[in-house]
Amino acid sequence: MDAPSDSGWGEAPVCRTALAVERIEVLQDRVACDVVVNDFRYAYTTPSIADRVRALRPDISSHTCVNSRGDTFNAVIARTPLPHLLEHLVIDILTETSSDPRSVFVGTSEWTDKRLGRARVEVSMTDDLAALRAFKEAVRLINEEVIQ
């Protein structure tokens, strides 16, 4: 996901959360989560957000990531869409909490309506309850680290 050239989002009042979950769907092998970024100011990470996230979740930097700047998430973490950060945080939490150390989790994130700040994040899973907890924890972390 690349940075916007023109979002189309107007000025909005300060919001309490940067990212809100609109819908979560548990599928056979993955969880799909529709989210909305409540304020364009929080649509993309910044270097300071990236530094705080890396301090809290140091393994996130080494995640494999398909992007235009490198082979890892670290190549884009300082300027990536918030839904993309959510994807990697969920994967990081699932990896850390998995009972099987060989488990590998993958995900995707994409704007579904960039003008309205809507995106869909999908992450593979082996345990639906663990995946739902990971999404909840990741959203909480983002909202605490972005809105300060």
Protein backbone atom coordinates (compact mmCIF):
# COMPACT_ATOMS: atom_id res chain seq x y z
CA MET A 1 0.00 0.00 0.00
CA ASP A 2 1.48 3.33 -1.01
CA ALA A 3 1.09 6.78 0.51
CA PRO A 4 -1.75 8.91 -0.86
CA SER A 5 -1.28 11.79 -3.20
CA ASP A 6 -4.71 13.23 -2.44
CA SER A 7 -7.03 11.53 -0.02
CA GLY A 8 -10.18 13.51 -0.60
CA TRP A 9 -10.84 13.42 3.16
CA GLY A 10 -11.91 16.75 4.56
CA GLU A 11 -10.98 18.25 7.88
CA ALA A 12 -12.52 16.23 10.67
CA PRO A 13 -12.86 16.84 14.37
CA VAL A 14 -10.33 15.17 16.61
CA CYS A 15 -11.38 11.58 17.17
CA ARG A 16 -10.80 9.25 20.09
CA THR A 17 -9.52 6.37 17.98
CA ALA A 18 -7.44 6.31 14.86
CA LEU A 19 -8.65 2.93 13.70
CA ALA A 20 -12.03 1.27 14.23
CA VAL A 21 -13.18 -2.22 13.36
CA GLU A 22 -16.39 -2.23 11.36
CA ARG A 23 -16.71 -5.95 10.80
CA ILE A 24 -14.79 -9.16 11.42
CA GLU A 25 -15.50 -12.33 9.51
CA VAL A 26 -14.03 -15.68 10.50
CA LEU A 27 -13.44 -17.75 7.38
CA GLN A 28 -12.15 -21.30 7.12
CA ASP A 29 -8.44 -20.45 7.15
CA ARG A 30 -8.29 -16.71 7.84
CA VAL A 31 -9.92 -13.77 9.53
CA ALA A 32 -11.09 -10.84 7.40
CA CYS A 33 -11.43 -7.51 9.16
CA ASP A 34 -13.00 -4.39 7.68
CA VAL A 35 -11.61 -1.27 9.34
CA VAL A 36 -11.98 2.46 9.00
CA VAL A 37 -9.34 5.08 9.66
CA ASN A 38 -11.32 7.78 11.44
CA ASP A 39 -9.13 10.74 10.56
CA PHE A 40 -6.84 11.21 7.56
CA ARG A 41 -4.08 12.50 9.86
CA TYR A 42 -3.77 8.92 11.08
CA ALA A 43 -4.06 7.09 7.78
CA TYR A 44 -0.31 6.51 7.50
CA THR A 45 2.39 5.80 10.02
CA THR A 46 5.18 8.24 10.77
CA PRO A 47 8.79 7.60 11.78
CA SER A 48 7.92 8.28 15.43
CA ILE A 49 5.01 5.82 15.34
CA ALA A 50 7.28 3.27 13.68
CA ASP A 51 9.90 3.75 16.40
CA ARG A 52 7.32 3.22 19.17
CA VAL A 53 5.89 0.13 17.48
CA ARG A 54 9.38 -1.35 16.94
CA ALA A 55 10.18 -0.73 20.62
CA LEU A 56 7.03 -2.62 21.65
CA ARG A 57 7.21 -5.37 19.01
CA PRO A 58 10.87 -5.67 17.88
CA ASP A 59 10.28 -8.72 15.66
CA ILE A 60 7.88 -6.79 13.44
CA SER A 61 10.77 -5.20 11.53
CA SER A 62 11.96 -8.54 10.20
CA HIS A 63 8.58 -9.70 8.86
CA THR A 64 8.67 -10.69 5.23
CA CYS A 65 6.63 -8.13 3.33
CA VAL A 66 5.84 -7.70 -0.33
CA ASN A 67 6.38 -4.00 -0.97
CA SER A 68 8.10 -1.71 -3.44
CA ARG A 69 10.96 -0.75 -1.12
CA GLY A 70 12.44 -3.99 0.19
CA ASP A 71 11.91 -7.53 1.40
CA THR A 72 10.84 -6.76 4.96
CA PHE A 73 8.22 -4.70 6.72
CA ASN A 74 11.01 -2.52 8.09
CA ALA A 75 11.44 -1.05 4.60
CA VAL A 76 8.00 0.60 4.81
CA ILE A 77 7.01 0.75 8.48
CA ALA A 78 7.77 4.49 8.80
CA ARG A 79 5.28 5.46 6.06
CA THR A 80 2.69 2.78 5.51
CA PRO A 81 -1.10 2.74 5.78
CA LEU A 82 -2.43 2.07 9.26
CA PRO A 83 -4.30 -1.03 8.00
CA HIS A 84 -0.96 -2.43 6.79
CA LEU A 85 0.48 -1.86 10.26
CA LEU A 86 -2.56 -3.66 11.69
CA GLU A 87 -1.88 -6.64 9.42
CA HIS A 88 1.70 -6.98 10.64
CA LEU A 89 0.82 -6.43 14.29
CA VAL A 90 -1.78 -9.20 14.13
CA ILE A 91 0.76 -11.53 12.51
CA ASP A 92 3.35 -10.62 15.14
CA ILE A 93 0.92 -11.29 18.00
CA LEU A 94 -0.26 -14.57 16.48
CA THR A 95 3.32 -15.72 15.98
CA GLU A 96 4.19 -14.87 19.57
CA THR A 97 1.15 -16.56 21.09
CA SER A 98 0.92 -19.63 18.85
CA SER A 99 1.24 -22.96 20.61
CA ASP A 100 3.07 -24.31 17.55
CA PRO A 101 6.42 -22.55 17.02
CA ARG A 102 6.43 -23.71 13.39
CA SER A 103 3.24 -21.82 12.57
CA VAL A 104 3.58 -19.24 9.83
CA PHE A 105 0.98 -16.52 9.41
CA VAL A 106 0.46 -14.39 6.32
CA GLY A 107 -1.79 -11.49 5.53
CA THR A 108 -2.94 -8.86 3.11
CA SER A 109 -4.26 -5.36 3.49
CA GLU A 110 -5.83 -3.08 0.93
CA TRP A 111 -7.89 0.06 0.78
CA THR A 112 -11.46 -0.76 -0.17
CA ASP A 113 -12.42 2.92 -0.30
CA LYS A 114 -9.38 5.09 0.23
CA ARG A 115 -11.40 8.32 0.11
CA LEU A 116 -13.43 7.16 3.10
CA GLY A 117 -10.51 5.54 4.92
CA ARG A 118 -11.92 2.04 4.59
CA ALA A 119 -9.68 -1.00 4.29
CA ARG A 120 -9.78 -4.77 4.53
CA VAL A 121 -7.15 -6.75 6.42
CA GLU A 122 -6.98 -10.52 6.12
CA VAL A 123 -4.68 -12.74 8.17
CA SER A 124 -4.33 -16.50 8.09
CA MET A 125 -5.04 -18.37 11.28
CA THR A 126 -5.16 -21.78 12.88
CA ASP A 127 -7.25 -20.76 15.91
CA ASP A 128 -10.12 -18.34 15.38
CA LEU A 129 -10.26 -17.17 19.00
CA ALA A 130 -6.53 -16.47 19.03
CA ALA A 131 -6.90 -14.51 15.79
CA LEU A 132 -9.77 -12.45 17.18
CA ARG A 133 -7.74 -11.69 20.33
CA ALA A 134 -4.78 -10.70 18.14
CA PHE A 135 -6.92 -8.26 16.14
CA LYS A 136 -8.33 -6.77 19.35
CA GLU A 137 -4.85 -6.34 20.85
CA ALA A 138 -3.41 -4.91 17.62
CA VAL A 139 -6.20 -2.33 17.28
CA ARG A 140 -5.74 -1.34 20.93
CA LEU A 141 -2.00 -0.94 20.41
CA ILE A 142 -2.46 1.18 17.30
CA ASN A 143 -4.96 3.46 18.99
CA GLU A 144 -2.69 3.93 21.98
CA GLU A 145 0.43 4.53 19.88
CA VAL A 146 -1.16 6.76 17.23
CA ILE A 147 -3.40 8.95 19.38
CA GLN A 148 -1.15 10.53 21.98
